[in-house]
Amino acid sequence: MKLGELKENAKAVISGLDGDTRFIGRITSIGLTPGCRVSIIKNDKNRPVLIYSRDTMIALNRSALTLSL
């Protein structure tokens, strides 16, 4: 399952990362690594997905939502 497929208020654990080296570097630098717990705060169509992880709110562009759960 991909992060963008989750509904609001869902909780999940990241099981893997998929993407090019630049993407992996950006995502891991903000703390989204395999094993990290995330909560979906807002997931509206055509808008960035707002997640909460490690005491931080993060807005992710839909094109970057290749995190596996």
PDB file of N, CA and C in Angstrom:
ATOM      1  N   MET A   1       0.848  -1.168   0.000  1.00  0.00           N
ATOM      2  CA  MET A   1       0.000   0.000   0.000  1.00  0.00           C
ATOM      3  C   MET A   1       0.897   1.236   0.000  1.00  0.00           C
ATOM      4  N   LYS A   2       0.454   2.273  -0.649  1.00  0.00           N
ATOM      5  CA  LYS A   2       1.198   3.526  -0.715  1.00  0.00           C
ATOM      6  C   LYS A   2       0.607   4.552   0.256  1.00  0.00           C
ATOM      7  N   LEU A   3       1.409   5.483   0.687  1.00  0.00           N
ATOM      8  CA  LEU A   3       0.999   6.490   1.660  1.00  0.00           C
ATOM      9  C   LEU A   3      -0.198   7.298   1.163  1.00  0.00           C
ATOM     10  N   GLY A   4      -0.242   7.638  -0.101  1.00  0.00           N
ATOM     11  CA  GLY A   4      -1.329   8.440  -0.663  1.00  0.00           C
ATOM     12  C   GLY A   4      -2.658   7.725  -0.720  1.00  0.00           C
ATOM     13  N   GLU A   5      -2.674   6.409  -0.507  1.00  0.00           N
ATOM     14  CA  GLU A   5      -3.906   5.622  -0.557  1.00  0.00           C
ATOM     15  C   GLU A   5      -4.646   5.603   0.779  1.00  0.00           C
ATOM     16  N   LEU A   6      -4.008   6.078   1.839  1.00  0.00           N
ATOM     17  CA  LEU A   6      -4.622   6.041   3.169  1.00  0.00           C
ATOM     18  C   LEU A   6      -5.648   7.159   3.339  1.00  0.00           C
ATOM     19  N   LYS A   7      -6.636   6.895   4.155  1.00  0.00           N
ATOM     20  CA  LYS A   7      -7.674   7.876   4.483  1.00  0.00           C
ATOM     21  C   LYS A   7      -7.209   8.733   5.657  1.00  0.00           C
ATOM     22  N   GLU A   8      -7.907   9.845   5.860  1.00  0.00           N
ATOM     23  CA  GLU A   8      -7.608  10.710   7.001  1.00  0.00           C
ATOM     24  C   GLU A   8      -7.762   9.940   8.307  1.00  0.00           C
ATOM     25  N   ASN A   9      -6.956  10.280   9.269  1.00  0.00           N
ATOM     26  CA  ASN A   9      -6.920   9.675  10.615  1.00  0.00           C
ATOM     27  C   ASN A   9      -6.365   8.261  10.627  1.00  0.00           C
ATOM     28  N   ALA A  10      -5.859   7.770   9.503  1.00  0.00           N
ATOM     29  CA  ALA A  10      -5.244   6.439   9.468  1.00  0.00           C
ATOM     30  C   ALA A  10      -3.834   6.528  10.048  1.00  0.00           C
ATOM     31  N   LYS A  11      -3.396   5.425  10.618  1.00  0.00           N
ATOM     32  CA  LYS A  11      -2.037   5.322  11.148  1.00  0.00           C
ATOM     33  C   LYS A  11      -1.350   4.173  10.435  1.00  0.00           C
ATOM     34  N   ALA A  12      -0.049   4.317  10.196  1.00  0.00           N
ATOM     35  CA  ALA A  12       0.700   3.290   9.475  1.00  0.00           C
ATOM     36  C   ALA A  12       2.165   3.355   9.867  1.00  0.00           C
ATOM     37  N   VAL A  13       2.901   2.331   9.443  1.00  0.00           N
ATOM     38  CA  VAL A  13       4.349   2.275   9.636  1.00  0.00           C
ATOM     39  C   VAL A  13       4.979   2.146   8.259  1.00  0.00           C
ATOM     40  N   ILE A  14       5.970   2.977   7.981  1.00  0.00           N
ATOM     41  CA  ILE A  14       6.643   2.934   6.684  1.00  0.00           C
ATOM     42  C   ILE A  14       7.490   1.669   6.605  1.00  0.00           C
ATOM     43  N   SER A  15       7.266   0.884   5.558  1.00  0.00           N
ATOM     44  CA  SER A  15       8.022  -0.370   5.423  1.00  0.00           C
ATOM     45  C   SER A  15       9.125  -0.262   4.381  1.00  0.00           C
ATOM     46  N   GLY A  16       9.055   0.731   3.506  1.00  0.00           N
ATOM     47  CA  GLY A  16      10.095   0.876   2.498  1.00  0.00           C
ATOM     48  C   GLY A  16       9.981   2.185   1.745  1.00  0.00           C
ATOM     49  N   LEU A  17      11.049   2.542   1.060  1.00  0.00           N
ATOM     50  CA  LEU A  17      11.105   3.758   0.262  1.00  0.00           C
ATOM     51  C   LEU A  17      11.389   3.378  -1.184  1.00  0.00           C
ATOM     52  N   ASP A  18      10.740   4.066  -2.104  1.00  0.00           N
ATOM     53  CA  ASP A  18      10.941   3.789  -3.520  1.00  0.00           C
ATOM     54  C   ASP A  18      11.117   5.110  -4.251  1.00  0.00           C
ATOM     55  N   GLY A  19      12.179   5.237  -5.000  1.00  0.00           N
ATOM     56  CA  GLY A  19      12.418   6.474  -5.738  1.00  0.00           C
ATOM     57  C   GLY A  19      13.882   6.623  -6.072  1.00  0.00           C
ATOM     58  N   ASP A  20      14.199   7.745  -6.719  1.00  0.00           N
ATOM     59  CA  ASP A  20      15.592   7.981  -7.088  1.00  0.00           C
ATOM     60  C   ASP A  20      16.398   8.429  -5.865  1.00  0.00           C
ATOM     61  N   THR A  21      17.686   8.533  -6.032  1.00  0.00           N
ATOM     62  CA  THR A  21      18.590   8.863  -4.928  1.00  0.00           C
ATOM     63  C   THR A  21      18.257  10.214  -4.301  1.00  0.00           C
ATOM     64  N   ARG A  22      17.920  11.185  -5.129  1.00  0.00           N
ATOM     65  CA  ARG A  22      17.586  12.520  -4.619  1.00  0.00           C
ATOM     66  C   ARG A  22      16.349  12.464  -3.723  1.00  0.00           C
ATOM     67  N   PHE A  23      15.306  11.757  -4.175  1.00  0.00           N
ATOM     68  CA  PHE A  23      14.084  11.626  -3.389  1.00  0.00           C
ATOM     69  C   PHE A  23      14.357  10.927  -2.061  1.00  0.00           C
ATOM     70  N   ILE A  24      15.080   9.815  -2.114  1.00  0.00           N
ATOM     71  CA  ILE A  24      15.388   9.056  -0.895  1.00  0.00           C
ATOM     72  C   ILE A  24      16.147   9.940   0.092  1.00  0.00           C
ATOM     73  N   GLY A  25      17.095  10.717  -0.395  1.00  0.00           N
ATOM     74  CA  GLY A  25      17.857  11.623   0.463  1.00  0.00           C
ATOM     75  C   GLY A  25      16.983  12.673   1.126  1.00  0.00           C
ATOM     76  N   ARG A  26      16.054  13.260   0.356  1.00  0.00           N
ATOM     77  CA  ARG A  26      15.158  14.281   0.911  1.00  0.00           C
ATOM     78  C   ARG A  26      14.232  13.691   1.968  1.00  0.00           C
ATOM     79  N   ILE A  27      13.631  12.551   1.664  1.00  0.00           N
ATOM     80  CA  ILE A  27      12.664  11.944   2.582  1.00  0.00           C
ATOM     81  C   ILE A  27      13.337  11.484   3.880  1.00  0.00           C
ATOM     82  N   THR A  28      14.492  10.852   3.765  1.00  0.00           N
ATOM     83  CA  THR A  28      15.170  10.392   4.983  1.00  0.00           C
ATOM     84  C   THR A  28      15.703  11.565   5.803  1.00  0.00           C
ATOM     85  N   SER A  29      16.052  12.669   5.157  1.00  0.00           N
ATOM     86  CA  SER A  29      16.561  13.824   5.905  1.00  0.00           C
ATOM     87  C   SER A  29      15.488  14.476   6.775  1.00  0.00           C
ATOM     88  N   ILE A  30      14.213  14.288   6.431  1.00  0.00           N
ATOM     89  CA  ILE A  30      13.146  14.831   7.283  1.00  0.00           C
ATOM     90  C   ILE A  30      12.619  13.777   8.253  1.00  0.00           C
ATOM     91  N   GLY A  31      13.278  12.617   8.303  1.00  0.00           N
ATOM     92  CA  GLY A  31      12.959  11.619   9.308  1.00  0.00           C
ATOM     93  C   GLY A  31      11.996  10.523   8.884  1.00  0.00           C
ATOM     94  N   LEU A  32      11.605  10.484   7.626  1.00  0.00           N
ATOM     95  CA  LEU A  32      10.703   9.423   7.163  1.00  0.00           C
ATOM     96  C   LEU A  32      11.533   8.250   6.663  1.00  0.00           C
ATOM     97  N   THR A  33      11.745   7.294   7.539  1.00  0.00           N
ATOM     98  CA  THR A  33      12.569   6.132   7.246  1.00  0.00           C
ATOM     99  C   THR A  33      11.754   4.863   7.506  1.00  0.00           C
ATOM    100  N   PRO A  34      12.194   3.718   6.973  1.00  0.00           N
ATOM    101  CA  PRO A  34      11.485   2.473   7.274  1.00  0.00           C
ATOM    102  C   PRO A  34      11.382   2.256   8.783  1.00  0.00           C
ATOM    103  N   GLY A  35      10.198   1.868   9.232  1.00  0.00           N
ATOM    104  CA  GLY A  35       9.939   1.678  10.656  1.00  0.00           C
ATOM    105  C   GLY A  35       9.312   2.886  11.327  1.00  0.00           C
ATOM    106  N   CYS A  36       9.283   4.003  10.623  1.00  0.00           N
ATOM    107  CA  CYS A  36       8.729   5.247  11.169  1.00  0.00           C
ATOM    108  C   CYS A  36       7.195   5.184  11.163  1.00  0.00           C
ATOM    109  N   ARG A  37       6.581   5.581  12.278  1.00  0.00           N
ATOM    110  CA  ARG A  37       5.119   5.623  12.377  1.00  0.00           C
ATOM    111  C   ARG A  37       4.619   6.963  11.858  1.00  0.00           C
ATOM    112  N   VAL A  38       3.536   6.930  11.067  1.00  0.00           N
ATOM    113  CA  VAL A  38       2.942   8.151  10.532  1.00  0.00           C
ATOM    114  C   VAL A  38       1.437   8.124  10.743  1.00  0.00           C
ATOM    115  N   SER A  39       0.853   9.315  10.856  1.00  0.00           N
ATOM    116  CA  SER A  39      -0.593   9.489  10.927  1.00  0.00           C
ATOM    117  C   SER A  39      -0.997  10.430   9.799  1.00  0.00           C
ATOM    118  N   ILE A  40      -2.066  10.087   9.097  1.00  0.00           N
ATOM    119  CA  ILE A  40      -2.563  10.935   8.022  1.00  0.00           C
ATOM    120  C   ILE A  40      -3.492  11.974   8.644  1.00  0.00           C
ATOM    121  N   ILE A  41      -3.150  13.236   8.501  1.00  0.00           N
ATOM    122  CA  ILE A  41      -3.960  14.320   9.049  1.00  0.00           C
ATOM    123  C   ILE A  41      -4.964  14.791   8.005  1.00  0.00           C
ATOM    124  N   LYS A  42      -4.508  15.007   6.776  1.00  0.00           N
ATOM    125  CA  LYS A  42      -5.368  15.497   5.697  1.00  0.00           C
ATOM    126  C   LYS A  42      -4.951  14.822   4.402  1.00  0.00           C
ATOM    127  N   ASN A  43      -5.919  14.309   3.656  1.00  0.00           N
ATOM    128  CA  ASN A  43      -5.624  13.661   2.378  1.00  0.00           C
ATOM    129  C   ASN A  43      -6.741  13.984   1.391  1.00  0.00           C
ATOM    130  N   ASP A  44      -6.763  15.228   0.919  1.00  0.00           N
ATOM    131  CA  ASP A  44      -7.744  15.679  -0.061  1.00  0.00           C
ATOM    132  C   ASP A  44      -7.181  15.499  -1.460  1.00  0.00           C
ATOM    133  N   LYS A  45      -8.072  15.232  -2.419  1.00  0.00           N
ATOM    134  CA  LYS A  45      -7.634  15.101  -3.815  1.00  0.00           C
ATOM    135  C   LYS A  45      -7.004  16.401  -4.288  1.00  0.00           C
ATOM    136  N   ASN A  46      -5.991  16.278  -5.130  1.00  0.00           N
ATOM    137  CA  ASN A  46      -5.313  17.413  -5.760  1.00  0.00           C
ATOM    138  C   ASN A  46      -4.668  18.384  -4.769  1.00  0.00           C
ATOM    139  N   ARG A  47      -4.402  17.937  -3.581  1.00  0.00           N
ATOM    140  CA  ARG A  47      -3.718  18.739  -2.567  1.00  0.00           C
ATOM    141  C   ARG A  47      -2.583  17.919  -1.970  1.00  0.00           C
ATOM    142  N   PRO A  48      -1.587  18.564  -1.392  1.00  0.00           N
ATOM    143  CA  PRO A  48      -0.544  17.803  -0.695  1.00  0.00           C
ATOM    144  C   PRO A  48      -1.147  17.016   0.470  1.00  0.00           C
ATOM    145  N   VAL A  49      -0.534  15.907   0.802  1.00  0.00           N
ATOM    146  CA  VAL A  49      -0.981  15.088   1.926  1.00  0.00           C
ATOM    147  C   VAL A  49      -0.273  15.597   3.178  1.00  0.00           C
ATOM    148  N   LEU A  50      -1.042  15.848   4.220  1.00  0.00           N
ATOM    149  CA  LEU A  50      -0.497  16.336   5.480  1.00  0.00           C
ATOM    150  C   LEU A  50      -0.387  15.156   6.432  1.00  0.00           C
ATOM    151  N   ILE A  51       0.844  14.876   6.869  1.00  0.00           N
ATOM    152  CA  ILE A  51       1.070  13.760   7.784  1.00  0.00           C
ATOM    153  C   ILE A  51       1.719  14.263   9.065  1.00  0.00           C
ATOM    154  N   TYR A  52       1.606  13.445  10.106  1.00  0.00           N
ATOM    155  CA  TYR A  52       2.234  13.739  11.388  1.00  0.00           C
ATOM    156  C   TYR A  52       3.161  12.582  11.715  1.00  0.00           C
ATOM    157  N   SER A  53       4.409  12.890  11.962  1.00  0.00           N
ATOM    158  CA  SER A  53       5.387  11.856  12.276  1.00  0.00           C
ATOM    159  C   SER A  53       6.504  12.452  13.127  1.00  0.00           C
ATOM    160  N   ARG A  54       6.894  11.732  14.157  1.00  0.00           N
ATOM    161  CA  ARG A  54       8.009  12.149  15.025  1.00  0.00           C
ATOM    162  C   ARG A  54       7.840  13.581  15.533  1.00  0.00           C
ATOM    163  N   ASP A  55       6.657  13.893  16.031  1.00  0.00           N
ATOM    164  CA  ASP A  55       6.330  15.216  16.583  1.00  0.00           C
ATOM    165  C   ASP A  55       6.444  16.344  15.567  1.00  0.00           C
ATOM    166  N   THR A  56       6.216  16.047  14.294  1.00  0.00           N
ATOM    167  CA  THR A  56       6.318  17.046  13.237  1.00  0.00           C
ATOM    168  C   THR A  56       5.201  16.867  12.215  1.00  0.00           C
ATOM    169  N   MET A  57       4.603  17.985  11.779  1.00  0.00           N
ATOM    170  CA  MET A  57       3.640  17.966  10.674  1.00  0.00           C
ATOM    171  C   MET A  57       4.423  18.145   9.380  1.00  0.00           C
ATOM    172  N   ILE A  58       4.130  17.300   8.396  1.00  0.00           N
ATOM    173  CA  ILE A  58       4.847  17.336   7.128  1.00  0.00           C
ATOM    174  C   ILE A  58       3.835  17.329   5.999  1.00  0.00           C
ATOM    175  N   ALA A  59       3.983  18.238   5.040  1.00  0.00           N
ATOM    176  CA  ALA A  59       3.150  18.259   3.844  1.00  0.00           C
ATOM    177  C   ALA A  59       3.958  17.635   2.712  1.00  0.00           C
ATOM    178  N   LEU A  60       3.408  16.586   2.106  1.00  0.00           N
ATOM    179  CA  LEU A  60       4.086  15.884   1.009  1.00  0.00           C
ATOM    180  C   LEU A  60       3.323  16.064  -0.288  1.00  0.00           C
ATOM    181  N   ASN A  61       4.043  16.424  -1.334  1.00  0.00           N
ATOM    182  CA  ASN A  61       3.461  16.551  -2.661  1.00  0.00           C
ATOM    183  C   ASN A  61       3.003  15.166  -3.121  1.00  0.00           C
ATOM    184  N   ARG A  62       1.893  15.081  -3.796  1.00  0.00           N
ATOM    185  CA  ARG A  62       1.360  13.786  -4.249  1.00  0.00           C
ATOM    186  C   ARG A  62       2.332  13.026  -5.132  1.00  0.00           C
ATOM    187  N   SER A  63       3.154  13.716  -5.916  1.00  0.00           N
ATOM    188  CA  SER A  63       4.101  13.020  -6.785  1.00  0.00           C
ATOM    189  C   SER A  63       5.213  12.353  -5.975  1.00  0.00           C
ATOM    190  N   ALA A  64       5.347  12.705  -4.702  1.00  0.00           N
ATOM    191  CA  ALA A  64       6.392  12.139  -3.848  1.00  0.00           C
ATOM    192  C   ALA A  64       5.874  11.018  -2.974  1.00  0.00           C
ATOM    193  N   LEU A  65       4.671  10.560  -3.179  1.00  0.00           N
ATOM    194  CA  LEU A  65       4.070   9.591  -2.269  1.00  0.00           C
ATOM    195  C   LEU A  65       4.339   8.156  -2.692  1.00  0.00           C
ATOM    196  N   THR A  66       5.603   7.794  -2.760  1.00  0.00           N
ATOM    197  CA  THR A  66       5.968   6.426  -3.110  1.00  0.00           C
ATOM    198  C   THR A  66       6.477   5.651  -1.903  1.00  0.00           C
ATOM    199  N   LEU A  67       6.086   6.098  -0.724  1.00  0.00           N
ATOM    200  CA  LEU A  67       6.491   5.399   0.496  1.00  0.00           C
ATOM    201  C   LEU A  67       5.601   4.184   0.681  1.00  0.00           C
ATOM    202  N   SER A  68       6.190   3.029   0.897  1.00  0.00           N
ATOM    203  CA  SER A  68       5.422   1.788   1.085  1.00  0.00           C
ATOM    204  C   SER A  68       5.102   1.591   2.559  1.00  0.00           C
ATOM    205  N   LEU A  69       3.896   1.075   2.796  1.00  0.00           N
ATOM    206  CA  LEU A  69       3.445   0.832   4.169  1.00  0.00           C
ATOM    207  C   LEU A  69       3.277  -0.636   4.403  1.00  0.00           C
TER     208      LEU A  69
END
